[in-house]
Amino acid sequence: MDTETGMRVEEGRLFVRGPVTYDNVVGITRAGVAAIKLDNGVINLAEVTQVDSSAVSMLLEWVRAAQIHGRKIEFINLPANLAGLIELYDVDALIPSGCTGKSG
């Protein structure tokens, strides 16, 4: 676990933990991009405790990084408040399908 970013990689999956807000989103985004470059394309958000609109920007940056590096990306276990922000900002079409709700 990276205590600075609240992230860990386990069995090829990236787990994000704790708040994802304006205060810490830059570090989490950078760590996620680095993990995506290493082909950790499944990102589990079940342990995210708080979000603001910057979390949506983070997801979009990770999608972009995956596209640039030729990787597939899948978000699983999105918190309801994050899924709601994605729908509110009408960017659900930009997030890979099947990513806007609790799953696997």
PDB file of N, CA and C in Angstrom:
ATOM      1  N   MET A   1       0.851  -1.184   0.000  1.00  0.00           N
ATOM      2  CA  MET A   1       0.000   0.000   0.000  1.00  0.00           C
ATOM      3  C   MET A   1       0.889   1.237   0.000  1.00  0.00           C
ATOM      4  N   ASP A   2       0.634   2.131  -0.891  1.00  0.00           N
ATOM      5  CA  ASP A   2       1.295   3.425  -0.915  1.00  0.00           C
ATOM      6  C   ASP A   2       0.472   4.353  -0.025  1.00  0.00           C
ATOM      7  N   THR A   3       0.996   4.673   1.144  1.00  0.00           N
ATOM      8  CA  THR A   3       0.212   5.467   2.092  1.00  0.00           C
ATOM      9  C   THR A   3      -0.009   6.890   1.616  1.00  0.00           C
ATOM     10  N   GLU A   4       0.858   7.389   0.755  1.00  0.00           N
ATOM     11  CA  GLU A   4       0.686   8.750   0.244  1.00  0.00           C
ATOM     12  C   GLU A   4      -0.498   8.839  -0.709  1.00  0.00           C
ATOM     13  N   THR A   5      -0.671   7.824  -1.550  1.00  0.00           N
ATOM     14  CA  THR A   5      -1.747   7.869  -2.538  1.00  0.00           C
ATOM     15  C   THR A   5      -2.927   6.990  -2.176  1.00  0.00           C
ATOM     16  N   GLY A   6      -2.789   6.101  -1.213  1.00  0.00           N
ATOM     17  CA  GLY A   6      -3.886   5.210  -0.869  1.00  0.00           C
ATOM     18  C   GLY A   6      -4.159   4.187  -1.950  1.00  0.00           C
ATOM     19  N   MET A   7      -3.097   3.714  -2.606  1.00  0.00           N
ATOM     20  CA  MET A   7      -3.257   2.755  -3.698  1.00  0.00           C
ATOM     21  C   MET A   7      -2.380   1.539  -3.447  1.00  0.00           C
ATOM     22  N   ARG A   8      -2.842   0.421  -4.014  1.00  0.00           N
ATOM     23  CA  ARG A   8      -2.008  -0.772  -4.003  1.00  0.00           C
ATOM     24  C   ARG A   8      -2.302  -1.562  -5.271  1.00  0.00           C
ATOM     25  N   VAL A   9      -1.313  -2.328  -5.703  1.00  0.00           N
ATOM     26  CA  VAL A   9      -1.493  -3.229  -6.837  1.00  0.00           C
ATOM     27  C   VAL A   9      -1.438  -4.641  -6.285  1.00  0.00           C
ATOM     28  N   GLU A  10      -2.445  -5.422  -6.649  1.00  0.00           N
ATOM     29  CA  GLU A  10      -2.544  -6.790  -6.148  1.00  0.00           C
ATOM     30  C   GLU A  10      -3.114  -7.660  -7.257  1.00  0.00           C
ATOM     31  N   GLU A  11      -2.374  -8.694  -7.638  1.00  0.00           N
ATOM     32  CA  GLU A  11      -2.816  -9.636  -8.664  1.00  0.00           C
ATOM     33  C   GLU A  11      -3.274  -8.927  -9.939  1.00  0.00           C
ATOM     34  N   GLY A  12      -2.489  -7.957 -10.373  1.00  0.00           N
ATOM     35  CA  GLY A  12      -2.792  -7.263 -11.621  1.00  0.00           C
ATOM     36  C   GLY A  12      -3.926  -6.258 -11.541  1.00  0.00           C
ATOM     37  N   ARG A  13      -4.415  -5.993 -10.349  1.00  0.00           N
ATOM     38  CA  ARG A  13      -5.486  -5.010 -10.163  1.00  0.00           C
ATOM     39  C   ARG A  13      -4.966  -3.852  -9.330  1.00  0.00           C
ATOM     40  N   LEU A  14      -5.464  -2.694  -9.663  1.00  0.00           N
ATOM     41  CA  LEU A  14      -5.135  -1.497  -8.910  1.00  0.00           C
ATOM     42  C   LEU A  14      -6.294  -1.192  -7.974  1.00  0.00           C
ATOM     43  N   PHE A  15      -6.010  -1.068  -6.697  1.00  0.00           N
ATOM     44  CA  PHE A  15      -7.018  -0.753  -5.690  1.00  0.00           C
ATOM     45  C   PHE A  15      -6.788   0.669  -5.197  1.00  0.00           C
ATOM     46  N   VAL A  16      -7.840   1.467  -5.221  1.00  0.00           N
ATOM     47  CA  VAL A  16      -7.781   2.839  -4.726  1.00  0.00           C
ATOM     48  C   VAL A  16      -8.533   2.870  -3.401  1.00  0.00           C
ATOM     49  N   ARG A  17      -7.945   3.534  -2.406  1.00  0.00           N
ATOM     50  CA  ARG A  17      -8.517   3.515  -1.057  1.00  0.00           C
ATOM     51  C   ARG A  17      -8.557   4.926  -0.481  1.00  0.00           C
ATOM     52  N   GLY A  18      -9.621   5.218   0.250  1.00  0.00           N
ATOM     53  CA  GLY A  18      -9.725   6.496   0.939  1.00  0.00           C
ATOM     54  C   GLY A  18     -10.342   7.577   0.069  1.00  0.00           C
ATOM     55  N   PRO A  19     -10.145   8.834   0.462  1.00  0.00           N
ATOM     56  CA  PRO A  19     -10.749   9.932  -0.294  1.00  0.00           C
ATOM     57  C   PRO A  19     -10.009  10.205  -1.602  1.00  0.00           C
ATOM     58  N   VAL A  20     -10.760  10.623  -2.607  1.00  0.00           N
ATOM     59  CA  VAL A  20     -10.197  11.119  -3.864  1.00  0.00           C
ATOM     60  C   VAL A  20     -10.824  12.492  -4.072  1.00  0.00           C
ATOM     61  N   THR A  21     -10.076  13.505  -3.661  1.00  0.00           N
ATOM     62  CA  THR A  21     -10.585  14.872  -3.718  1.00  0.00           C
ATOM     63  C   THR A  21      -9.519  15.797  -4.284  1.00  0.00           C
ATOM     64  N   TYR A  22      -9.895  17.034  -4.426  1.00  0.00           N
ATOM     65  CA  TYR A  22      -8.985  18.049  -4.944  1.00  0.00           C
ATOM     66  C   TYR A  22      -7.650  18.043  -4.191  1.00  0.00           C
ATOM     67  N   ASP A  23      -7.679  17.747  -2.911  1.00  0.00           N
ATOM     68  CA  ASP A  23      -6.469  17.783  -2.086  1.00  0.00           C
ATOM     69  C   ASP A  23      -5.437  16.719  -2.447  1.00  0.00           C
ATOM     70  N   ASN A  24      -5.866  15.578  -2.985  1.00  0.00           N
ATOM     71  CA  ASN A  24      -4.914  14.491  -3.237  1.00  0.00           C
ATOM     72  C   ASN A  24      -5.006  13.878  -4.632  1.00  0.00           C
ATOM     73  N   VAL A  25      -5.861  14.405  -5.479  1.00  0.00           N
ATOM     74  CA  VAL A  25      -6.119  13.760  -6.768  1.00  0.00           C
ATOM     75  C   VAL A  25      -4.893  13.730  -7.685  1.00  0.00           C
ATOM     76  N   VAL A  26      -4.028  14.720  -7.611  1.00  0.00           N
ATOM     77  CA  VAL A  26      -2.866  14.744  -8.506  1.00  0.00           C
ATOM     78  C   VAL A  26      -1.968  13.541  -8.251  1.00  0.00           C
ATOM     79  N   GLY A  27      -1.658  13.263  -6.995  1.00  0.00           N
ATOM     80  CA  GLY A  27      -0.810  12.116  -6.674  1.00  0.00           C
ATOM     81  C   GLY A  27      -1.445  10.791  -7.043  1.00  0.00           C
ATOM     82  N   ILE A  28      -2.725  10.660  -6.784  1.00  0.00           N
ATOM     83  CA  ILE A  28      -3.430   9.423  -7.121  1.00  0.00           C
ATOM     84  C   ILE A  28      -3.481   9.237  -8.635  1.00  0.00           C
ATOM     85  N   THR A  29      -3.740  10.315  -9.354  1.00  0.00           N
ATOM     86  CA  THR A  29      -3.793  10.232 -10.817  1.00  0.00           C
ATOM     87  C   THR A  29      -2.452   9.791 -11.377  1.00  0.00           C
ATOM     88  N   ARG A  30      -1.371  10.397 -10.915  1.00  0.00           N
ATOM     89  CA  ARG A  30      -0.026  10.029 -11.400  1.00  0.00           C
ATOM     90  C   ARG A  30       0.303   8.575 -11.089  1.00  0.00           C
ATOM     91  N   ALA A  31      -0.013   8.139  -9.885  1.00  0.00           N
ATOM     92  CA  ALA A  31       0.252   6.745  -9.518  1.00  0.00           C
ATOM     93  C   ALA A  31      -0.570   5.794 -10.380  1.00  0.00           C
ATOM     94  N   GLY A  32      -1.796   6.164 -10.672  1.00  0.00           N
ATOM     95  CA  GLY A  32      -2.643   5.343 -11.531  1.00  0.00           C
ATOM     96  C   GLY A  32      -2.116   5.243 -12.947  1.00  0.00           C
ATOM     97  N   VAL A  33      -1.653   6.365 -13.490  1.00  0.00           N
ATOM     98  CA  VAL A  33      -1.077   6.356 -14.841  1.00  0.00           C
ATOM     99  C   VAL A  33       0.133   5.429 -14.882  1.00  0.00           C
ATOM    100  N   ALA A  34       0.989   5.510 -13.866  1.00  0.00           N
ATOM    101  CA  ALA A  34       2.161   4.629 -13.809  1.00  0.00           C
ATOM    102  C   ALA A  34       1.747   3.162 -13.759  1.00  0.00           C
ATOM    103  N   ALA A  35       0.713   2.847 -12.997  1.00  0.00           N
ATOM    104  CA  ALA A  35       0.233   1.465 -12.903  1.00  0.00           C
ATOM    105  C   ALA A  35      -0.373   1.003 -14.220  1.00  0.00           C
ATOM    106  N   ILE A  36      -1.092   1.878 -14.893  1.00  0.00           N
ATOM    107  CA  ILE A  36      -1.702   1.533 -16.185  1.00  0.00           C
ATOM    108  C   ILE A  36      -0.621   1.231 -17.210  1.00  0.00           C
ATOM    109  N   LYS A  37       0.473   1.967 -17.183  1.00  0.00           N
ATOM    110  CA  LYS A  37       1.592   1.701 -18.094  1.00  0.00           C
ATOM    111  C   LYS A  37       2.129   0.286 -17.904  1.00  0.00           C
ATOM    112  N   LEU A  38       2.018  -0.237 -16.681  1.00  0.00           N
ATOM    113  CA  LEU A  38       2.490  -1.592 -16.379  1.00  0.00           C
ATOM    114  C   LEU A  38       1.418  -2.644 -16.620  1.00  0.00           C
ATOM    115  N   ASP A  39       0.317  -2.245 -17.241  1.00  0.00           N
ATOM    116  CA  ASP A  39      -0.774  -3.138 -17.627  1.00  0.00           C
ATOM    117  C   ASP A  39      -1.648  -3.566 -16.457  1.00  0.00           C
ATOM    118  N   ASN A  40      -1.840  -2.681 -15.513  1.00  0.00           N
ATOM    119  CA  ASN A  40      -2.801  -2.918 -14.433  1.00  0.00           C
ATOM    120  C   ASN A  40      -4.093  -2.227 -14.823  1.00  0.00           C
ATOM    121  N   GLY A  41      -4.848  -2.834 -15.719  1.00  0.00           N
ATOM    122  CA  GLY A  41      -6.004  -2.179 -16.306  1.00  0.00           C
ATOM    123  C   GLY A  41      -7.311  -2.351 -15.573  1.00  0.00           C
ATOM    124  N   VAL A  42      -7.341  -3.174 -14.528  1.00  0.00           N
ATOM    125  CA  VAL A  42      -8.555  -3.307 -13.727  1.00  0.00           C
ATOM    126  C   VAL A  42      -8.361  -2.452 -12.485  1.00  0.00           C
ATOM    127  N   ILE A  43      -9.249  -1.488 -12.317  1.00  0.00           N
ATOM    128  CA  ILE A  43      -9.130  -0.548 -11.211  1.00  0.00           C
ATOM    129  C   ILE A  43     -10.351  -0.696 -10.311  1.00  0.00           C
ATOM    130  N   ASN A  44     -10.096  -1.111  -9.084  1.00  0.00           N
ATOM    131  CA  ASN A  44     -11.155  -1.363  -8.112  1.00  0.00           C
ATOM    132  C   ASN A  44     -11.294  -0.143  -7.202  1.00  0.00           C
ATOM    133  N   LEU A  45     -12.477   0.436  -7.200  1.00  0.00           N
ATOM    134  CA  LEU A  45     -12.732   1.652  -6.436  1.00  0.00           C
ATOM    135  C   LEU A  45     -13.624   1.403  -5.215  1.00  0.00           C
ATOM    136  N   ALA A  46     -13.759   0.160  -4.802  1.00  0.00           N
ATOM    137  CA  ALA A  46     -14.655  -0.190  -3.691  1.00  0.00           C
ATOM    138  C   ALA A  46     -14.262   0.476  -2.378  1.00  0.00           C
ATOM    139  N   GLU A  47     -12.983   0.754  -2.187  1.00  0.00           N
ATOM    140  CA  GLU A  47     -12.512   1.302  -0.919  1.00  0.00           C
ATOM    141  C   GLU A  47     -12.408   2.824  -0.921  1.00  0.00           C
ATOM    142  N   VAL A  48     -12.915   3.467  -1.967  1.00  0.00           N
ATOM    143  CA  VAL A  48     -12.927   4.930  -2.015  1.00  0.00           C
ATOM    144  C   VAL A  48     -14.013   5.428  -1.066  1.00  0.00           C
ATOM    145  N   THR A  49     -13.644   6.357  -0.196  1.00  0.00           N
ATOM    146  CA  THR A  49     -14.559   6.804   0.854  1.00  0.00           C
ATOM    147  C   THR A  49     -15.209   8.151   0.591  1.00  0.00           C
ATOM    148  N   GLN A  50     -14.580   8.980  -0.235  1.00  0.00           N
ATOM    149  CA  GLN A  50     -15.098  10.325  -0.492  1.00  0.00           C
ATOM    150  C   GLN A  50     -14.607  10.763  -1.863  1.00  0.00           C
ATOM    151  N   VAL A  51     -15.466  11.439  -2.622  1.00  0.00           N
ATOM    152  CA  VAL A  51     -15.063  11.961  -3.926  1.00  0.00           C
ATOM    153  C   VAL A  51     -15.621  13.364  -4.112  1.00  0.00           C
ATOM    154  N   ASP A  52     -14.984  14.075  -5.029  1.00  0.00           N
ATOM    155  CA  ASP A  52     -15.549  15.310  -5.550  1.00  0.00           C
ATOM    156  C   ASP A  52     -15.355  15.267  -7.061  1.00  0.00           C
ATOM    157  N   SER A  53     -15.642  16.348  -7.731  1.00  0.00           N
ATOM    158  CA  SER A  53     -15.602  16.334  -9.196  1.00  0.00           C
ATOM    159  C   SER A  53     -14.216  16.024  -9.746  1.00  0.00           C
ATOM    160  N   SER A  54     -13.169  16.251  -8.974  1.00  0.00           N
ATOM    161  CA  SER A  54     -11.825  15.937  -9.457  1.00  0.00           C
ATOM    162  C   SER A  54     -11.640  14.437  -9.684  1.00  0.00           C
ATOM    163  N   ALA A  55     -12.406  13.600  -9.005  1.00  0.00           N
ATOM    164  CA  ALA A  55     -12.315  12.151  -9.211  1.00  0.00           C
ATOM    165  C   ALA A  55     -12.767  11.763 -10.614  1.00  0.00           C
ATOM    166  N   VAL A  56     -13.739  12.487 -11.155  1.00  0.00           N
ATOM    167  CA  VAL A  56     -14.185  12.225 -12.531  1.00  0.00           C
ATOM    168  C   VAL A  56     -13.050  12.546 -13.496  1.00  0.00           C
ATOM    169  N   SER A  57     -12.376  13.659 -13.278  1.00  0.00           N
ATOM    170  CA  SER A  57     -11.229  14.021 -14.119  1.00  0.00           C
ATOM    171  C   SER A  57     -10.140  12.960 -14.045  1.00  0.00           C
ATOM    172  N   MET A  58      -9.931  12.405 -12.859  1.00  0.00           N
ATOM    173  CA  MET A  58      -8.939  11.351 -12.684  1.00  0.00           C
ATOM    174  C   MET A  58      -9.275  10.132 -13.541  1.00  0.00           C
ATOM    175  N   LEU A  59     -10.534   9.706 -13.501  1.00  0.00           N
ATOM    176  CA  LEU A  59     -10.936   8.551 -14.307  1.00  0.00           C
ATOM    177  C   LEU A  59     -10.724   8.820 -15.787  1.00  0.00           C
ATOM    178  N   LEU A  60     -11.079  10.017 -16.232  1.00  0.00           N
ATOM    179  CA  LEU A  60     -10.902  10.365 -17.644  1.00  0.00           C
ATOM    180  C   LEU A  60      -9.426  10.375 -18.024  1.00  0.00           C
ATOM    181  N   GLU A  61      -8.570  10.835 -17.137  1.00  0.00           N
ATOM    182  CA  GLU A  61      -7.129  10.819 -17.403  1.00  0.00           C
ATOM    183  C   GLU A  61      -6.618   9.388 -17.486  1.00  0.00           C
ATOM    184  N   TRP A  62      -7.137   8.509 -16.647  1.00  0.00           N
ATOM    185  CA  TRP A  62      -6.722   7.110 -16.707  1.00  0.00           C
ATOM    186  C   TRP A  62      -7.194   6.447 -17.995  1.00  0.00           C
ATOM    187  N   VAL A  63      -8.388   6.780 -18.450  1.00  0.00           N
ATOM    188  CA  VAL A  63      -8.873   6.254 -19.733  1.00  0.00           C
ATOM    189  C   VAL A  63      -7.945   6.726 -20.849  1.00  0.00           C
ATOM    190  N   ARG A  64      -7.599   7.999 -20.812  1.00  0.00           N
ATOM    191  CA  ARG A  64      -6.699   8.570 -21.825  1.00  0.00           C
ATOM    192  C   ARG A  64      -5.337   7.875 -21.788  1.00  0.00           C
ATOM    193  N   ALA A  65      -4.786   7.666 -20.603  1.00  0.00           N
ATOM    194  CA  ALA A  65      -3.491   6.997 -20.471  1.00  0.00           C
ATOM    195  C   ALA A  65      -3.555   5.578 -21.022  1.00  0.00           C
ATOM    196  N   ALA A  66      -4.636   4.881 -20.749  1.00  0.00           N
ATOM    197  CA  ALA A  66      -4.796   3.521 -21.268  1.00  0.00           C
ATOM    198  C   ALA A  66      -4.822   3.531 -22.793  1.00  0.00           C
ATOM    199  N   GLN A  67      -5.524   4.493 -23.380  1.00  0.00           N
ATOM    200  CA  GLN A  67      -5.583   4.593 -24.838  1.00  0.00           C
ATOM    201  C   GLN A  67      -4.201   4.885 -25.415  1.00  0.00           C
ATOM    202  N   ILE A  68      -3.486   5.811 -24.813  1.00  0.00           N
ATOM    203  CA  ILE A  68      -2.149   6.179 -25.292  1.00  0.00           C
ATOM    204  C   ILE A  68      -1.206   4.987 -25.257  1.00  0.00           C
ATOM    205  N   HIS A  69      -1.298   4.173 -24.226  1.00  0.00           N
ATOM    206  CA  HIS A  69      -0.379   3.046 -24.045  1.00  0.00           C
ATOM    207  C   HIS A  69      -0.933   1.729 -24.579  1.00  0.00           C
ATOM    208  N   GLY A  70      -2.051   1.795 -25.283  1.00  0.00           N
ATOM    209  CA  GLY A  70      -2.618   0.597 -25.890  1.00  0.00           C
ATOM    210  C   GLY A  70      -3.107  -0.428 -24.881  1.00  0.00           C
ATOM    211  N   ARG A  71      -3.587   0.038 -23.747  1.00  0.00           N
ATOM    212  CA  ARG A  71      -4.063  -0.855 -22.691  1.00  0.00           C
ATOM    213  C   ARG A  71      -5.581  -0.831 -22.607  1.00  0.00           C
ATOM    214  N   LYS A  72      -6.138  -1.913 -22.139  1.00  0.00           N
ATOM    215  CA  LYS A  72      -7.566  -1.943 -21.816  1.00  0.00           C
ATOM    216  C   LYS A  72      -7.699  -1.498 -20.369  1.00  0.00           C
ATOM    217  N   ILE A  73      -8.826  -0.886 -20.068  1.00  0.00           N
ATOM    218  CA  ILE A  73      -9.051  -0.416 -18.706  1.00  0.00           C
ATOM    219  C   ILE A  73     -10.477  -0.746 -18.305  1.00  0.00           C
ATOM    220  N   GLU A  74     -10.640  -1.125 -17.064  1.00  0.00           N
ATOM    221  CA  GLU A  74     -11.969  -1.440 -16.538  1.00  0.00           C
ATOM    222  C   GLU A  74     -12.042  -0.941 -15.103  1.00  0.00           C
ATOM    223  N   PHE A  75     -13.067  -0.164 -14.814  1.00  0.00           N
ATOM    224  CA  PHE A  75     -13.306   0.309 -13.458  1.00  0.00           C
ATOM    225  C   PHE A  75     -14.366  -0.585 -12.840  1.00  0.00           C
ATOM    226  N   ILE A  76     -14.103  -1.071 -11.640  1.00  0.00           N
ATOM    227  CA  ILE A  76     -15.090  -1.900 -10.957  1.00  0.00           C
ATOM    228  C   ILE A  76     -15.384  -1.306  -9.582  1.00  0.00           C
ATOM    229  N   ASN A  77     -16.582  -1.591  -9.112  1.00  0.00           N
ATOM    230  CA  ASN A  77     -17.021  -1.172  -7.779  1.00  0.00           C
ATOM    231  C   ASN A  77     -16.964   0.335  -7.571  1.00  0.00           C
ATOM    232  N   LEU A  78     -17.472   1.077  -8.546  1.00  0.00           N
ATOM    233  CA  LEU A  78     -17.545   2.525  -8.375  1.00  0.00           C
ATOM    234  C   LEU A  78     -18.518   2.869  -7.258  1.00  0.00           C
ATOM    235  N   PRO A  79     -18.124   3.763  -6.354  1.00  0.00           N
ATOM    236  CA  PRO A  79     -19.073   4.227  -5.344  1.00  0.00           C
ATOM    237  C   PRO A  79     -20.248   4.933  -6.015  1.00  0.00           C
ATOM    238  N   ALA A  80     -21.405   4.855  -5.412  1.00  0.00           N
ATOM    239  CA  ALA A  80     -22.612   5.450  -5.998  1.00  0.00           C
ATOM    240  C   ALA A  80     -22.456   6.945  -6.238  1.00  0.00           C
ATOM    241  N   ASN A  81     -21.779   7.646  -5.318  1.00  0.00           N
ATOM    242  CA  ASN A  81     -21.631   9.087  -5.515  1.00  0.00           C
ATOM    243  C   ASN A  81     -20.735   9.413  -6.708  1.00  0.00           C
ATOM    244  N   LEU A  82     -19.744   8.590  -6.985  1.00  0.00           N
ATOM    245  CA  LEU A  82     -18.896   8.801  -8.155  1.00  0.00           C
ATOM    246  C   LEU A  82     -19.664   8.483  -9.436  1.00  0.00           C
ATOM    247  N   ALA A  83     -20.418   7.398  -9.421  1.00  0.00           N
ATOM    248  CA  ALA A  83     -21.256   7.067 -10.582  1.00  0.00           C
ATOM    249  C   ALA A  83     -22.248   8.193 -10.851  1.00  0.00           C
ATOM    250  N   GLY A  84     -22.786   8.780  -9.790  1.00  0.00           N
ATOM    251  CA  GLY A  84     -23.715   9.897  -9.943  1.00  0.00           C
ATOM    252  C   GLY A  84     -23.061  11.112 -10.574  1.00  0.00           C
ATOM    253  N   LEU A  85     -21.827  11.411 -10.181  1.00  0.00           N
ATOM    254  CA  LEU A  85     -21.111  12.540 -10.784  1.00  0.00           C
ATOM    255  C   LEU A  85     -20.831  12.287 -12.262  1.00  0.00           C
ATOM    256  N   ILE A  86     -20.474  11.057 -12.596  1.00  0.00           N
ATOM    257  CA  ILE A  86     -20.216  10.707 -13.994  1.00  0.00           C
ATOM    258  C   ILE A  86     -21.464  10.954 -14.831  1.00  0.00           C
ATOM    259  N   GLU A  87     -22.605  10.551 -14.316  1.00  0.00           N
ATOM    260  CA  GLU A  87     -23.871  10.778 -15.026  1.00  0.00           C
ATOM    261  C   GLU A  87     -24.236  12.256 -15.052  1.00  0.00           C
ATOM    262  N   LEU A  88     -24.039  12.957 -13.943  1.00  0.00           N
ATOM    263  CA  LEU A  88     -24.357  14.381 -13.864  1.00  0.00           C
ATOM    264  C   LEU A  88     -23.585  15.185 -14.905  1.00  0.00           C
ATOM    265  N   TYR A  89     -22.312  14.870 -15.068  1.00  0.00           N
ATOM    266  CA  TYR A  89     -21.472  15.591 -16.027  1.00  0.00           C
ATOM    267  C   TYR A  89     -21.596  15.034 -17.441  1.00  0.00           C
ATOM    268  N   ASP A  90     -22.441  14.020 -17.606  1.00  0.00           N
ATOM    269  CA  ASP A  90     -22.726  13.436 -18.918  1.00  0.00           C
ATOM    270  C   ASP A  90     -21.461  12.949 -19.625  1.00  0.00           C
ATOM    271  N   VAL A  91     -20.582  12.296 -18.863  1.00  0.00           N
ATOM    272  CA  VAL A  91     -19.362  11.745 -19.444  1.00  0.00           C
ATOM    273  C   VAL A  91     -19.351  10.222 -19.393  1.00  0.00           C
ATOM    274  N   ASP A  92     -20.510   9.623 -19.084  1.00  0.00           N
ATOM    275  CA  ASP A  92     -20.558   8.163 -18.992  1.00  0.00           C
ATOM    276  C   ASP A  92     -20.181   7.496 -20.305  1.00  0.00           C
ATOM    277  N   ALA A  93     -20.399   8.162 -21.429  1.00  0.00           N
ATOM    278  CA  ALA A  93     -20.010   7.587 -22.720  1.00  0.00           C
ATOM    279  C   ALA A  93     -18.488   7.577 -22.901  1.00  0.00           C
ATOM    280  N   LEU A  94     -17.777   8.403 -22.148  1.00  0.00           N
ATOM    281  CA  LEU A  94     -16.321   8.468 -22.254  1.00  0.00           C
ATOM    282  C   LEU A  94     -15.620   7.478 -21.334  1.00  0.00           C
ATOM    283  N   ILE A  95     -16.360   6.981 -20.355  1.00  0.00           N
ATOM    284  CA  ILE A  95     -15.835   5.973 -19.433  1.00  0.00           C
ATOM    285  C   ILE A  95     -16.205   4.613 -20.036  1.00  0.00           C
ATOM    286  N   PRO A  96     -15.269   3.666 -20.082  1.00  0.00           N
ATOM    287  CA  PRO A  96     -15.581   2.371 -20.700  1.00  0.00           C
ATOM    288  C   PRO A  96     -16.892   1.777 -20.182  1.00  0.00           C
ATOM    289  N   SER A  97     -17.660   1.183 -21.087  1.00  0.00           N
ATOM    290  CA  SER A  97     -18.999   0.677 -20.744  1.00  0.00           C
ATOM    291  C   SER A  97     -18.950  -0.301 -19.586  1.00  0.00           C
ATOM    292  N   GLY A  98     -20.032  -0.286 -18.822  1.00  0.00           N
ATOM    293  CA  GLY A  98     -20.134  -1.176 -17.675  1.00  0.00           C
ATOM    294  C   GLY A  98     -19.409  -0.668 -16.452  1.00  0.00           C
ATOM    295  N   CYS A  99     -18.975   0.573 -16.472  1.00  0.00           N
ATOM    296  CA  CYS A  99     -18.152   1.091 -15.382  1.00  0.00           C
ATOM    297  C   CYS A  99     -18.895   1.968 -14.402  1.00  0.00           C
ATOM    298  N   THR A 100     -20.155   2.252 -14.625  1.00  0.00           N
ATOM    299  CA  THR A 100     -20.813   3.247 -13.791  1.00  0.00           C
ATOM    300  C   THR A 100     -21.723   2.642 -12.732  1.00  0.00           C
ATOM    301  N   GLY A 101     -21.298   1.546 -12.136  1.00  0.00           N
ATOM    302  CA  GLY A 101     -22.078   0.973 -11.045  1.00  0.00           C
ATOM    303  C   GLY A 101     -21.313  -0.127 -10.357  1.00  0.00           C
ATOM    304  N   LYS A 102     -21.817  -0.578  -9.243  1.00  0.00           N
ATOM    305  CA  LYS A 102     -21.163  -1.656  -8.508  1.00  0.00           C
ATOM    306  C   LYS A 102     -21.130  -2.927  -9.345  1.00  0.00           C
ATOM    307  N   SER A 103     -19.947  -3.515  -9.415  1.00  0.00           N
ATOM    308  CA  SER A 103     -19.789  -4.788 -10.119  1.00  0.00           C
ATOM    309  C   SER A 103     -18.575  -5.498  -9.560  1.00  0.00           C
ATOM    310  N   GLY A 104     -18.358  -6.726 -10.057  1.00  0.00           N
ATOM    311  CA  GLY A 104     -17.298  -7.614  -9.736  1.00  0.00           C
ATOM    312  C   GLY A 104     -16.246  -7.242  -8.869  1.00  0.00           C
TER     313      GLY A 104
END
